[in-house]
Amino acid sequence: LQNCIVTYQFMQGDVAGALDDLSAGRLDVASPKLKRASFQPDFCELAMMESDTDKDPVSEENDANQLLSGMAYNIAELIANRRPPPPR
């Protein structure tokens, strides 16, 4: 579980940073952070698979976090792709 706690702390940092970037209009900076965050539940899932437990005690949380973070990344990508290019 300690591995999952650390993993989700990294995820929390990425999401918090991405929210700051999104609110400041920096979609190009926020998107990679959200993409990184969307992979974090997988790392927790892998750690739990390698553990001695018969059942993953946080599998439902991992699934929910993976769906939410993936959706946030996809939304940021859609917004970034609809944005007109910066003037030259």
C-alpha atoms as a PDB file:
ATOM      1  CA  LEU A   1       0.000   0.000   0.000  1.00  0.00           C
ATOM      2  CA  GLN A   2       2.920   2.360   0.655  1.00  0.00           C
ATOM      3  CA  ASN A   3       3.819   2.133  -3.018  1.00  0.00           C
ATOM      4  CA  CYS A   4       0.278   3.181  -3.943  1.00  0.00           C
ATOM      5  CA  ILE A   5       0.382   6.099  -1.515  1.00  0.00           C
ATOM      6  CA  VAL A   6       3.565   7.419  -3.123  1.00  0.00           C
ATOM      7  CA  THR A   7       2.150   6.812  -6.599  1.00  0.00           C
ATOM      8  CA  TYR A   8      -0.996   8.765  -5.805  1.00  0.00           C
ATOM      9  CA  GLN A   9       1.039  11.581  -4.254  1.00  0.00           C
ATOM     10  CA  PHE A  10       2.810  11.961  -7.612  1.00  0.00           C
ATOM     11  CA  MET A  11      -0.569  11.871  -9.327  1.00  0.00           C
ATOM     12  CA  GLN A  12      -1.934  14.524  -6.995  1.00  0.00           C
ATOM     13  CA  GLY A  13       1.025  16.785  -7.750  1.00  0.00           C
ATOM     14  CA  ASP A  14       0.573  16.362 -11.491  1.00  0.00           C
ATOM     15  CA  VAL A  15      -3.162  17.065 -11.323  1.00  0.00           C
ATOM     16  CA  ALA A  16      -2.725  20.106  -9.058  1.00  0.00           C
ATOM     17  CA  GLY A  17      -0.068  21.505 -11.383  1.00  0.00           C
ATOM     18  CA  ALA A  18      -2.237  20.817 -14.413  1.00  0.00           C
ATOM     19  CA  LEU A  19      -5.180  22.634 -12.840  1.00  0.00           C
ATOM     20  CA  ASP A  20      -2.988  25.668 -12.247  1.00  0.00           C
ATOM     21  CA  ASP A  21      -1.793  25.499 -15.843  1.00  0.00           C
ATOM     22  CA  LEU A  22      -5.314  25.086 -17.202  1.00  0.00           C
ATOM     23  CA  SER A  23      -6.603  28.059 -15.229  1.00  0.00           C
ATOM     24  CA  ALA A  24      -3.731  30.143 -16.617  1.00  0.00           C
ATOM     25  CA  GLY A  25      -4.487  29.005 -20.182  1.00  0.00           C
ATOM     26  CA  ARG A  26      -1.328  26.884 -20.515  1.00  0.00           C
ATOM     27  CA  LEU A  27      -2.970  23.862 -22.130  1.00  0.00           C
ATOM     28  CA  ASP A  28       0.255  22.718 -23.761  1.00  0.00           C
ATOM     29  CA  VAL A  29       1.901  22.463 -20.323  1.00  0.00           C
ATOM     30  CA  ALA A  30      -1.112  20.940 -18.565  1.00  0.00           C
ATOM     31  CA  SER A  31      -1.700  18.137 -21.039  1.00  0.00           C
ATOM     32  CA  PRO A  32       1.532  16.174 -20.362  1.00  0.00           C
ATOM     33  CA  LYS A  33       0.898  16.425 -16.618  1.00  0.00           C
ATOM     34  CA  LEU A  34      -2.588  15.000 -17.046  1.00  0.00           C
ATOM     35  CA  LYS A  35      -1.233  12.278 -19.302  1.00  0.00           C
ATOM     36  CA  ARG A  36       1.333  11.311 -16.624  1.00  0.00           C
ATOM     37  CA  ALA A  37      -1.400  11.327 -14.000  1.00  0.00           C
ATOM     38  CA  SER A  38      -3.563   9.024 -16.098  1.00  0.00           C
ATOM     39  CA  PHE A  39      -0.890   6.303 -15.937  1.00  0.00           C
ATOM     40  CA  GLN A  40      -0.356   6.437 -12.164  1.00  0.00           C
ATOM     41  CA  PRO A  41      -3.190   4.032 -11.234  1.00  0.00           C
ATOM     42  CA  ASP A  42      -1.513   1.395 -13.409  1.00  0.00           C
ATOM     43  CA  PHE A  43       1.650   1.637 -11.310  1.00  0.00           C
ATOM     44  CA  CYS A  44      -0.367   1.092  -8.157  1.00  0.00           C
ATOM     45  CA  GLU A  45      -2.147  -1.845  -9.774  1.00  0.00           C
ATOM     46  CA  LEU A  46       1.206  -3.404 -10.716  1.00  0.00           C
ATOM     47  CA  ALA A  47       2.523  -2.965  -7.192  1.00  0.00           C
ATOM     48  CA  MET A  48      -0.533  -4.681  -5.765  1.00  0.00           C
ATOM     49  CA  MET A  49      -0.214  -7.559  -8.246  1.00  0.00           C
ATOM     50  CA  GLU A  50       3.350  -8.139  -7.034  1.00  0.00           C
ATOM     51  CA  SER A  51       2.293  -8.126  -3.368  1.00  0.00           C
ATOM     52  CA  ASP A  52       1.333 -11.087  -1.208  1.00  0.00           C
ATOM     53  CA  THR A  53      -2.350 -10.154  -0.970  1.00  0.00           C
ATOM     54  CA  ASP A  54      -5.022 -12.353  -2.508  1.00  0.00           C
ATOM     55  CA  LYS A  55      -7.239  -9.394  -3.392  1.00  0.00           C
ATOM     56  CA  ASP A  56      -6.221  -5.886  -4.348  1.00  0.00           C
ATOM     57  CA  PRO A  57      -7.732  -3.671  -1.617  1.00  0.00           C
ATOM     58  CA  VAL A  58      -7.670  -0.580  -3.831  1.00  0.00           C
ATOM     59  CA  SER A  59      -8.677  -1.985  -7.225  1.00  0.00           C
ATOM     60  CA  GLU A  60     -11.948  -0.038  -7.335  1.00  0.00           C
ATOM     61  CA  GLU A  61     -10.110   3.182  -6.466  1.00  0.00           C
ATOM     62  CA  ASN A  62      -7.489   2.466  -9.134  1.00  0.00           C
ATOM     63  CA  ASP A  63     -10.181   1.874 -11.749  1.00  0.00           C
ATOM     64  CA  ALA A  64     -12.052   5.054 -10.816  1.00  0.00           C
ATOM     65  CA  ASN A  65      -8.875   7.144 -10.749  1.00  0.00           C
ATOM     66  CA  GLN A  66      -7.744   5.754 -14.068  1.00  0.00           C
ATOM     67  CA  LEU A  67     -11.070   6.634 -15.696  1.00  0.00           C
ATOM     68  CA  LEU A  68     -11.182  10.139 -14.201  1.00  0.00           C
ATOM     69  CA  SER A  69      -7.574  11.035 -14.921  1.00  0.00           C
ATOM     70  CA  GLY A  70      -7.803   9.619 -18.436  1.00  0.00           C
ATOM     71  CA  MET A  71     -10.941  11.639 -19.071  1.00  0.00           C
ATOM     72  CA  ALA A  72      -9.249  14.807 -17.779  1.00  0.00           C
ATOM     73  CA  TYR A  73      -6.316  14.210 -20.123  1.00  0.00           C
ATOM     74  CA  ASN A  74      -8.635  13.600 -23.081  1.00  0.00           C
ATOM     75  CA  ILE A  75     -10.586  16.793 -22.367  1.00  0.00           C
ATOM     76  CA  ALA A  76      -7.375  18.831 -22.161  1.00  0.00           C
ATOM     77  CA  GLU A  77      -6.216  17.337 -25.455  1.00  0.00           C
ATOM     78  CA  LEU A  78      -9.519  18.137 -27.144  1.00  0.00           C
ATOM     79  CA  ILE A  79      -9.380  21.732 -25.923  1.00  0.00           C
ATOM     80  CA  ALA A  80      -5.755  22.109 -26.984  1.00  0.00           C
ATOM     81  CA  ASN A  81      -6.487  20.730 -30.446  1.00  0.00           C
ATOM     82  CA  ARG A  82      -9.409  23.146 -30.978  1.00  0.00           C
ATOM     83  CA  ARG A  83      -7.378  26.176 -29.965  1.00  0.00           C
ATOM     84  CA  PRO A  84      -6.148  28.358 -32.827  1.00  0.00           C
ATOM     85  CA  PRO A  85      -2.376  28.423 -33.220  1.00  0.00           C
ATOM     86  CA  PRO A  86      -0.562  31.363 -31.593  1.00  0.00           C
ATOM     87  CA  PRO A  87       0.139  34.363 -33.868  1.00  0.00           C
ATOM     88  CA  ARG A  88       3.606  34.516 -35.378  1.00  0.00           C
END
